[in-house]
Amino acid sequence: SLKEVLLTFSKKVEFRWFFPDGYELDGALSQIFSGDRHWSLDWIVQFNDDKNGWKDEVFPNTDDPYDLVWHNKLAFHEVGNGDYLAIDLAQPGREPVIYLSHDDGEGHGIELAKDFKEFLLISSRLGCVGAEDWQWLPFTEADKGFINPDCENAKKFREALGVKA
């Protein structure tokens, strides 16, 4: 689906937003402060070279479950803190978007969406909330997998922003 988006929608998207100074959300949403989405046909090579540097130097052991998550992934979004959003290429016929954490983040290895296109649709309903795992984790439900744009926290988030679903 990444290829489809690159060919039929846009080969490059880049935007970012931040809450104004002093604006804060409560409870499970309190870590959210920004949002962004970026991808580019031109950036994929660099993102993957950088991701592969982490994989080869820090996470080379495919017998270690944590390290293994870094293998067979195509990074499309550099989070900015050493983490990546990537497409899992390890299972033929599946293309889930997965989070790669370099520092034991809670989101490491979590599938955010079944594929890139679904990730764009789901995350758009949440204002493309920041890619750091602490910003999107409130919208996941352990028993259901993936980001859920209709969960209670998503409804609270849209309500706090004055966005009608």
N, C-alpha and C. Protein backbone atom coordinates (compact mmCIF):
# COMPACT_ATOMS: atom_id res chain seq x y z
N SER A 1 0.82 -1.21 0.00
CA SER A 1 0.00 0.00 0.00
C SER A 1 0.86 1.27 0.00
N LEU A 2 2.11 1.17 0.51
CA LEU A 2 3.02 2.33 0.43
C LEU A 2 3.25 2.70 -1.03
N LYS A 3 3.51 1.70 -1.85
CA LYS A 3 3.73 1.95 -3.27
C LYS A 3 2.52 2.62 -3.89
N GLU A 4 1.33 2.14 -3.57
CA GLU A 4 0.10 2.72 -4.10
C GLU A 4 -0.03 4.20 -3.71
N VAL A 5 0.25 4.51 -2.44
CA VAL A 5 0.17 5.90 -1.98
C VAL A 5 1.20 6.77 -2.68
N LEU A 6 2.43 6.27 -2.81
CA LEU A 6 3.48 7.03 -3.49
C LEU A 6 3.14 7.31 -4.95
N LEU A 7 2.50 6.35 -5.60
CA LEU A 7 2.19 6.49 -7.03
C LEU A 7 0.88 7.25 -7.31
N THR A 8 -0.10 7.14 -6.41
CA THR A 8 -1.41 7.70 -6.73
C THR A 8 -1.82 8.89 -5.86
N PHE A 9 -1.13 9.11 -4.75
CA PHE A 9 -1.49 10.22 -3.88
C PHE A 9 -0.39 11.28 -3.87
N SER A 10 0.74 10.93 -3.31
CA SER A 10 1.85 11.88 -3.26
C SER A 10 3.14 11.15 -2.94
N LYS A 11 4.21 11.52 -3.64
CA LYS A 11 5.50 10.92 -3.33
C LYS A 11 6.16 11.60 -2.14
N LYS A 12 5.58 12.73 -1.69
CA LYS A 12 6.14 13.42 -0.53
C LYS A 12 5.04 14.17 0.21
N VAL A 13 5.02 13.98 1.53
CA VAL A 13 4.14 14.73 2.41
C VAL A 13 4.97 15.10 3.63
N GLU A 14 4.80 16.33 4.08
CA GLU A 14 5.54 16.79 5.26
C GLU A 14 4.76 17.91 5.93
N PHE A 15 4.30 17.64 7.16
CA PHE A 15 3.69 18.70 7.95
C PHE A 15 3.82 18.38 9.43
N ARG A 16 3.66 19.39 10.24
CA ARG A 16 3.83 19.27 11.68
C ARG A 16 2.96 20.31 12.37
N TRP A 17 2.43 19.97 13.54
CA TRP A 17 1.69 20.91 14.36
C TRP A 17 2.08 20.75 15.82
N PHE A 18 1.88 21.80 16.61
CA PHE A 18 2.15 21.79 18.05
C PHE A 18 1.01 22.49 18.77
N PHE A 19 0.69 22.02 19.98
CA PHE A 19 -0.27 22.75 20.81
C PHE A 19 0.37 24.06 21.23
N PRO A 20 -0.43 25.11 21.42
CA PRO A 20 0.13 26.38 21.89
C PRO A 20 0.72 26.21 23.30
N ASP A 21 1.65 27.07 23.64
CA ASP A 21 2.23 27.05 24.99
C ASP A 21 1.12 27.10 26.03
N GLY A 22 1.23 26.24 27.02
CA GLY A 22 0.27 26.22 28.11
C GLY A 22 -0.96 25.35 27.86
N TYR A 23 -1.16 24.89 26.62
CA TYR A 23 -2.31 24.03 26.33
C TYR A 23 -1.95 22.60 26.70
N GLU A 24 -2.75 21.99 27.57
CA GLU A 24 -2.47 20.63 28.00
C GLU A 24 -3.75 19.83 28.07
N LEU A 25 -3.62 18.56 27.78
CA LEU A 25 -4.73 17.63 27.91
C LEU A 25 -4.57 16.87 29.22
N ASP A 26 -5.65 16.23 29.66
CA ASP A 26 -5.64 15.54 30.95
C ASP A 26 -5.50 14.03 30.78
N GLY A 27 -5.18 13.39 31.88
CA GLY A 27 -5.19 11.94 31.97
C GLY A 27 -4.30 11.25 30.97
N ALA A 28 -4.86 10.23 30.33
CA ALA A 28 -4.09 9.41 29.38
C ALA A 28 -3.60 10.22 28.18
N LEU A 29 -4.20 11.37 27.94
CA LEU A 29 -3.84 12.20 26.78
C LEU A 29 -2.80 13.26 27.13
N SER A 30 -2.36 13.30 28.38
CA SER A 30 -1.49 14.39 28.84
C SER A 30 -0.12 14.44 28.16
N GLN A 31 0.32 13.34 27.55
CA GLN A 31 1.62 13.31 26.87
C GLN A 31 1.57 13.86 25.45
N ILE A 32 0.38 14.10 24.94
CA ILE A 32 0.25 14.57 23.56
C ILE A 32 0.52 16.07 23.50
N PHE A 33 1.43 16.46 22.63
CA PHE A 33 1.77 17.88 22.49
C PHE A 33 1.93 18.29 21.02
N SER A 34 1.94 17.32 20.11
CA SER A 34 2.19 17.66 18.72
C SER A 34 1.69 16.55 17.81
N GLY A 35 1.80 16.82 16.54
CA GLY A 35 1.50 15.81 15.55
C GLY A 35 2.32 16.08 14.30
N ASP A 36 2.51 15.04 13.53
CA ASP A 36 3.20 15.23 12.25
C ASP A 36 3.01 14.00 11.41
N ARG A 37 3.23 14.18 10.16
CA ARG A 37 3.26 13.06 9.23
C ARG A 37 4.24 13.46 8.15
N HIS A 38 5.13 12.57 7.85
CA HIS A 38 6.06 12.83 6.75
C HIS A 38 6.51 11.52 6.12
N TRP A 39 6.56 11.57 4.84
CA TRP A 39 7.14 10.48 4.06
C TRP A 39 7.59 11.07 2.74
N SER A 40 8.53 10.41 2.13
CA SER A 40 9.02 10.86 0.84
C SER A 40 9.74 9.71 0.16
N LEU A 41 9.50 9.58 -1.10
CA LEU A 41 10.23 8.60 -1.88
C LEU A 41 11.73 8.85 -1.74
N ASP A 42 12.11 10.11 -1.70
CA ASP A 42 13.53 10.46 -1.59
C ASP A 42 14.12 10.15 -0.21
N TRP A 43 13.31 10.16 0.83
CA TRP A 43 13.82 9.94 2.19
C TRP A 43 13.92 8.48 2.56
N ILE A 44 13.20 7.60 1.88
CA ILE A 44 13.15 6.19 2.28
C ILE A 44 14.54 5.57 2.33
N VAL A 45 15.39 5.86 1.38
CA VAL A 45 16.74 5.29 1.38
C VAL A 45 17.51 5.76 2.62
N GLN A 46 17.48 7.07 2.91
CA GLN A 46 18.20 7.58 4.07
C GLN A 46 17.64 7.04 5.37
N PHE A 47 16.30 7.02 5.50
CA PHE A 47 15.69 6.48 6.72
C PHE A 47 16.12 5.03 6.94
N ASN A 48 16.18 4.25 5.87
CA ASN A 48 16.54 2.85 6.01
C ASN A 48 18.03 2.66 6.25
N ASP A 49 18.86 3.50 5.67
CA ASP A 49 20.29 3.44 5.99
C ASP A 49 20.49 3.72 7.48
N ASP A 50 19.80 4.74 7.99
CA ASP A 50 19.91 5.07 9.42
C ASP A 50 19.34 3.96 10.29
N LYS A 51 18.17 3.45 9.92
CA LYS A 51 17.55 2.35 10.68
C LYS A 51 18.45 1.12 10.66
N ASN A 52 19.06 0.83 9.51
CA ASN A 52 19.95 -0.32 9.42
C ASN A 52 21.21 -0.15 10.25
N GLY A 53 21.64 1.10 10.43
CA GLY A 53 22.76 1.36 11.33
C GLY A 53 22.42 0.91 12.75
N TRP A 54 21.22 1.27 13.23
CA TRP A 54 20.76 0.81 14.55
C TRP A 54 20.69 -0.72 14.57
N LYS A 55 20.09 -1.29 13.53
CA LYS A 55 19.90 -2.74 13.47
C LYS A 55 21.25 -3.46 13.52
N ASP A 56 22.19 -3.02 12.70
CA ASP A 56 23.48 -3.71 12.60
C ASP A 56 24.37 -3.50 13.82
N GLU A 57 24.35 -2.31 14.39
CA GLU A 57 25.25 -1.98 15.50
C GLU A 57 24.68 -2.32 16.88
N VAL A 58 23.37 -2.11 17.05
CA VAL A 58 22.78 -2.23 18.39
C VAL A 58 21.86 -3.44 18.51
N PHE A 59 21.19 -3.82 17.42
CA PHE A 59 20.19 -4.88 17.48
C PHE A 59 20.47 -6.01 16.46
N PRO A 60 21.69 -6.56 16.44
CA PRO A 60 22.03 -7.56 15.42
C PRO A 60 21.54 -8.98 15.70
N ASN A 61 21.16 -9.27 16.94
CA ASN A 61 20.88 -10.64 17.36
C ASN A 61 19.45 -11.06 17.03
N THR A 62 19.27 -11.81 15.96
CA THR A 62 17.93 -12.24 15.56
C THR A 62 17.35 -13.30 16.49
N ASP A 63 18.15 -13.81 17.43
CA ASP A 63 17.64 -14.74 18.44
C ASP A 63 17.03 -13.99 19.63
N ASP A 64 17.30 -12.70 19.71
CA ASP A 64 16.72 -11.86 20.77
C ASP A 64 15.42 -11.26 20.24
N PRO A 65 14.29 -11.49 20.90
CA PRO A 65 13.01 -10.99 20.40
C PRO A 65 12.97 -9.47 20.20
N TYR A 66 13.64 -8.71 21.08
CA TYR A 66 13.67 -7.25 20.94
C TYR A 66 14.43 -6.86 19.67
N ASP A 67 15.60 -7.45 19.49
CA ASP A 67 16.41 -7.16 18.31
C ASP A 67 15.70 -7.55 17.03
N LEU A 68 15.03 -8.70 17.05
CA LEU A 68 14.38 -9.23 15.86
C LEU A 68 13.37 -8.26 15.26
N VAL A 69 12.74 -7.47 16.10
CA VAL A 69 11.74 -6.50 15.62
C VAL A 69 12.38 -5.53 14.63
N TRP A 70 13.66 -5.25 14.76
CA TRP A 70 14.35 -4.30 13.87
C TRP A 70 14.69 -4.89 12.50
N HIS A 71 14.53 -6.19 12.32
CA HIS A 71 14.92 -6.86 11.09
C HIS A 71 13.74 -6.98 10.13
N ASN A 72 14.04 -6.94 8.83
CA ASN A 72 13.03 -7.07 7.78
C ASN A 72 11.96 -5.99 7.86
N LYS A 73 12.40 -4.76 8.07
CA LYS A 73 11.49 -3.63 8.15
C LYS A 73 11.90 -2.57 7.13
N LEU A 74 10.91 -1.87 6.59
CA LEU A 74 11.15 -0.76 5.68
C LEU A 74 10.69 0.52 6.38
N ALA A 75 11.64 1.30 6.85
CA ALA A 75 11.32 2.54 7.57
C ALA A 75 10.82 3.60 6.60
N PHE A 76 9.73 4.25 6.95
CA PHE A 76 9.19 5.33 6.12
C PHE A 76 9.04 6.64 6.88
N HIS A 77 9.19 6.60 8.22
CA HIS A 77 8.99 7.80 9.05
C HIS A 77 10.02 7.78 10.17
N GLU A 78 10.85 8.78 10.18
CA GLU A 78 11.83 8.94 11.26
C GLU A 78 11.15 9.74 12.36
N VAL A 79 11.05 9.15 13.55
CA VAL A 79 10.32 9.79 14.64
C VAL A 79 11.08 11.02 15.14
N GLY A 80 12.39 11.00 15.09
CA GLY A 80 13.18 12.15 15.53
C GLY A 80 13.89 11.91 16.84
N ASN A 81 13.61 10.80 17.50
CA ASN A 81 14.26 10.48 18.76
C ASN A 81 15.07 9.18 18.66
N GLY A 82 15.30 8.71 17.42
CA GLY A 82 16.00 7.45 17.21
C GLY A 82 15.06 6.30 16.90
N ASP A 83 13.76 6.54 17.01
CA ASP A 83 12.75 5.53 16.70
C ASP A 83 12.24 5.71 15.28
N TYR A 84 11.53 4.70 14.78
CA TYR A 84 11.02 4.73 13.40
C TYR A 84 9.63 4.12 13.33
N LEU A 85 8.86 4.56 12.36
CA LEU A 85 7.67 3.86 11.91
C LEU A 85 8.11 3.11 10.66
N ALA A 86 7.72 1.86 10.56
CA ALA A 86 8.20 1.03 9.46
C ALA A 86 7.12 0.05 9.02
N ILE A 87 7.33 -0.49 7.87
CA ILE A 87 6.46 -1.55 7.36
C ILE A 87 7.18 -2.87 7.61
N ASP A 88 6.47 -3.80 8.22
CA ASP A 88 7.04 -5.11 8.53
C ASP A 88 6.98 -5.98 7.28
N LEU A 89 8.13 -6.36 6.78
CA LEU A 89 8.24 -7.17 5.57
C LEU A 89 8.50 -8.64 5.90
N ALA A 90 8.45 -9.00 7.17
CA ALA A 90 8.83 -10.35 7.59
C ALA A 90 7.81 -11.41 7.24
N GLN A 91 6.56 -11.01 7.01
CA GLN A 91 5.51 -11.98 6.74
C GLN A 91 4.91 -11.72 5.36
N PRO A 92 5.23 -12.56 4.39
CA PRO A 92 4.69 -12.36 3.04
C PRO A 92 3.16 -12.25 3.06
N GLY A 93 2.65 -11.27 2.31
CA GLY A 93 1.21 -11.06 2.24
C GLY A 93 0.67 -10.10 3.28
N ARG A 94 1.51 -9.70 4.23
CA ARG A 94 1.11 -8.72 5.25
C ARG A 94 2.05 -7.54 5.16
N GLU A 95 1.56 -6.37 5.48
CA GLU A 95 2.38 -5.16 5.46
C GLU A 95 2.06 -4.26 6.65
N PRO A 96 2.00 -4.79 7.87
CA PRO A 96 1.62 -3.93 8.98
C PRO A 96 2.63 -2.82 9.25
N VAL A 97 2.12 -1.68 9.68
CA VAL A 97 2.96 -0.59 10.14
C VAL A 97 3.31 -0.89 11.59
N ILE A 98 4.59 -0.81 11.91
CA ILE A 98 5.09 -1.22 13.21
C ILE A 98 6.01 -0.14 13.78
N TYR A 99 6.08 -0.09 15.10
CA TYR A 99 6.92 0.89 15.78
C TYR A 99 8.24 0.26 16.17
N LEU A 100 9.34 0.92 15.84
CA LEU A 100 10.68 0.47 16.21
C LEU A 100 11.25 1.44 17.24
N SER A 101 11.42 0.97 18.46
CA SER A 101 11.99 1.80 19.53
C SER A 101 13.45 1.42 19.74
N HIS A 102 14.29 2.41 19.88
CA HIS A 102 15.71 2.15 20.11
C HIS A 102 16.05 2.08 21.60
N ASP A 103 15.08 2.41 22.47
CA ASP A 103 15.40 2.53 23.89
C ASP A 103 14.32 1.95 24.81
N ASP A 104 13.83 0.78 24.46
CA ASP A 104 12.85 0.08 25.30
C ASP A 104 11.52 0.81 25.45
N GLY A 105 11.14 1.58 24.45
CA GLY A 105 9.85 2.26 24.50
C GLY A 105 8.70 1.26 24.56
N GLU A 106 7.62 1.66 25.22
CA GLU A 106 6.46 0.79 25.37
C GLU A 106 5.86 0.35 24.05
N GLY A 107 6.03 1.15 23.02
CA GLY A 107 5.43 0.85 21.73
C GLY A 107 6.24 -0.08 20.85
N HIS A 108 7.42 -0.47 21.29
CA HIS A 108 8.30 -1.29 20.45
C HIS A 108 7.60 -2.55 19.98
N GLY A 109 7.56 -2.72 18.67
CA GLY A 109 6.99 -3.92 18.08
C GLY A 109 5.49 -3.91 17.92
N ILE A 110 4.82 -2.87 18.38
CA ILE A 110 3.36 -2.82 18.25
C ILE A 110 2.99 -2.48 16.81
N GLU A 111 2.03 -3.22 16.30
CA GLU A 111 1.48 -2.93 14.98
C GLU A 111 0.44 -1.82 15.12
N LEU A 112 0.65 -0.73 14.37
CA LEU A 112 -0.25 0.41 14.45
C LEU A 112 -1.43 0.29 13.49
N ALA A 113 -1.22 -0.36 12.36
CA ALA A 113 -2.27 -0.52 11.36
C ALA A 113 -1.91 -1.70 10.46
N LYS A 114 -2.90 -2.20 9.73
CA LYS A 114 -2.65 -3.38 8.90
C LYS A 114 -1.76 -3.09 7.71
N ASP A 115 -1.72 -1.81 7.26
CA ASP A 115 -0.84 -1.41 6.17
C ASP A 115 -0.70 0.10 6.16
N PHE A 116 0.13 0.60 5.28
CA PHE A 116 0.44 2.03 5.23
C PHE A 116 -0.80 2.88 4.95
N LYS A 117 -1.59 2.46 4.00
CA LYS A 117 -2.79 3.21 3.63
C LYS A 117 -3.77 3.31 4.81
N GLU A 118 -3.98 2.19 5.49
CA GLU A 118 -4.86 2.22 6.66
C GLU A 118 -4.26 3.09 7.76
N PHE A 119 -2.94 3.05 7.92
CA PHE A 119 -2.28 3.90 8.91
C PHE A 119 -2.59 5.36 8.64
N LEU A 120 -2.51 5.78 7.38
CA LEU A 120 -2.80 7.17 7.04
C LEU A 120 -4.25 7.53 7.37
N LEU A 121 -5.17 6.65 7.06
CA LEU A 121 -6.58 6.92 7.33
C LEU A 121 -6.86 6.97 8.83
N ILE A 122 -6.35 6.01 9.57
CA ILE A 122 -6.57 5.95 11.01
C ILE A 122 -5.91 7.15 11.70
N SER A 123 -4.65 7.39 11.40
CA SER A 123 -3.95 8.47 12.10
C SER A 123 -4.50 9.84 11.73
N SER A 124 -5.05 9.98 10.52
CA SER A 124 -5.68 11.25 10.13
C SER A 124 -6.88 11.57 11.02
N ARG A 125 -7.60 10.54 11.42
CA ARG A 125 -8.76 10.75 12.30
C ARG A 125 -8.33 11.21 13.68
N LEU A 126 -7.04 11.07 13.97
CA LEU A 126 -6.49 11.52 15.25
C LEU A 126 -5.56 12.72 15.05
N GLY A 127 -5.75 13.44 13.97
CA GLY A 127 -4.95 14.63 13.72
C GLY A 127 -3.49 14.34 13.46
N CYS A 128 -3.18 13.11 13.04
CA CYS A 128 -1.79 12.69 12.83
C CYS A 128 -0.96 12.95 14.08
N VAL A 129 -1.53 12.55 15.20
CA VAL A 129 -0.88 12.74 16.49
C VAL A 129 0.56 12.25 16.40
N GLY A 130 1.42 12.85 17.20
CA GLY A 130 2.86 12.59 17.14
C GLY A 130 3.24 11.13 17.06
N ALA A 131 4.36 10.86 16.41
CA ALA A 131 4.79 9.49 16.16
C ALA A 131 5.53 8.87 17.34
N GLU A 132 5.90 9.66 18.36
CA GLU A 132 6.50 9.06 19.54
C GLU A 132 5.45 8.15 20.17
N ASP A 133 5.87 6.99 20.65
CA ASP A 133 4.89 6.03 21.13
C ASP A 133 4.02 6.55 22.26
N TRP A 134 4.55 7.39 23.12
CA TRP A 134 3.73 7.90 24.23
C TRP A 134 2.58 8.79 23.74
N GLN A 135 2.65 9.27 22.50
CA GLN A 135 1.56 10.10 21.97
C GLN A 135 0.45 9.26 21.34
N TRP A 136 0.77 8.12 20.73
CA TRP A 136 -0.26 7.30 20.10
C TRP A 136 -0.71 6.11 20.94
N LEU A 137 0.06 5.72 21.95
CA LEU A 137 -0.34 4.58 22.78
C LEU A 137 -1.72 4.73 23.43
N PRO A 138 -2.14 5.94 23.82
CA PRO A 138 -3.49 6.05 24.40
C PRO A 138 -4.61 5.63 23.45
N PHE A 139 -4.30 5.49 22.18
CA PHE A 139 -5.32 5.14 21.19
C PHE A 139 -5.24 3.67 20.77
N THR A 140 -4.45 2.89 21.49
CA THR A 140 -4.38 1.45 21.23
C THR A 140 -5.11 0.73 22.34
N GLU A 141 -5.64 -0.41 22.00
CA GLU A 141 -6.31 -1.25 22.99
C GLU A 141 -5.68 -2.63 22.88
N ALA A 142 -5.05 -3.06 23.96
CA ALA A 142 -4.24 -4.29 23.94
C ALA A 142 -4.98 -5.49 23.37
N ASP A 143 -6.25 -5.60 23.66
CA ASP A 143 -6.98 -6.78 23.21
C ASP A 143 -7.41 -6.71 21.74
N LYS A 144 -7.31 -5.52 21.13
CA LYS A 144 -7.77 -5.37 19.75
C LYS A 144 -6.63 -5.14 18.76
N GLY A 145 -5.49 -4.67 19.23
CA GLY A 145 -4.39 -4.36 18.33
C GLY A 145 -4.67 -3.11 17.51
N PHE A 146 -3.65 -2.59 16.91
CA PHE A 146 -3.74 -1.41 16.05
C PHE A 146 -4.22 -0.16 16.81
N ILE A 147 -4.03 0.98 16.20
CA ILE A 147 -4.59 2.24 16.71
C ILE A 147 -6.09 2.20 16.42
N ASN A 148 -6.87 2.59 17.41
CA ASN A 148 -8.33 2.59 17.25
C ASN A 148 -8.83 4.03 17.28
N PRO A 149 -9.20 4.60 16.14
CA PRO A 149 -9.66 5.98 16.11
C PRO A 149 -11.06 6.18 16.68
N ASP A 150 -11.67 5.08 17.15
CA ASP A 150 -13.00 5.16 17.75
C ASP A 150 -13.01 4.79 19.23
N CYS A 151 -11.82 4.57 19.81
CA CYS A 151 -11.76 4.23 21.24
C CYS A 151 -12.15 5.44 22.08
N GLU A 152 -12.37 5.22 23.36
CA GLU A 152 -12.80 6.29 24.26
C GLU A 152 -11.80 7.45 24.29
N ASN A 153 -10.50 7.13 24.33
CA ASN A 153 -9.49 8.20 24.34
C ASN A 153 -9.52 9.01 23.05
N ALA A 154 -9.80 8.37 21.93
CA ALA A 154 -9.90 9.09 20.65
C ALA A 154 -11.08 10.05 20.68
N LYS A 155 -12.18 9.60 21.24
CA LYS A 155 -13.36 10.47 21.35
C LYS A 155 -13.06 11.66 22.26
N LYS A 156 -12.38 11.40 23.38
CA LYS A 156 -12.00 12.48 24.30
C LYS A 156 -11.04 13.46 23.62
N PHE A 157 -10.12 12.93 22.83
CA PHE A 157 -9.15 13.77 22.13
C PHE A 157 -9.85 14.71 21.15
N ARG A 158 -10.71 14.15 20.33
CA ARG A 158 -11.44 14.99 19.35
C ARG A 158 -12.34 16.01 20.07
N GLU A 159 -12.96 15.59 21.16
CA GLU A 159 -13.80 16.51 21.93
C GLU A 159 -12.97 17.66 22.50
N ALA A 160 -11.79 17.34 23.03
CA ALA A 160 -10.91 18.38 23.60
C ALA A 160 -10.48 19.37 22.52
N LEU A 161 -10.35 18.89 21.29
CA LEU A 161 -9.95 19.76 20.20
C LEU A 161 -11.12 20.44 19.51
N GLY A 162 -12.33 20.06 19.89
CA GLY A 162 -13.52 20.64 19.27
C GLY A 162 -13.77 20.11 17.89
N VAL A 163 -13.34 18.87 17.63
CA VAL A 163 -13.51 18.24 16.32
C VAL A 163 -14.68 17.28 16.40
N LYS A 164 -15.61 17.40 15.47
CA LYS A 164 -16.73 16.46 15.43
C LYS A 164 -16.30 15.23 14.64
N ALA A 165 -16.65 14.07 15.18
CA ALA A 165 -16.23 12.80 14.55
C ALA A 165 -16.93 12.53 13.26
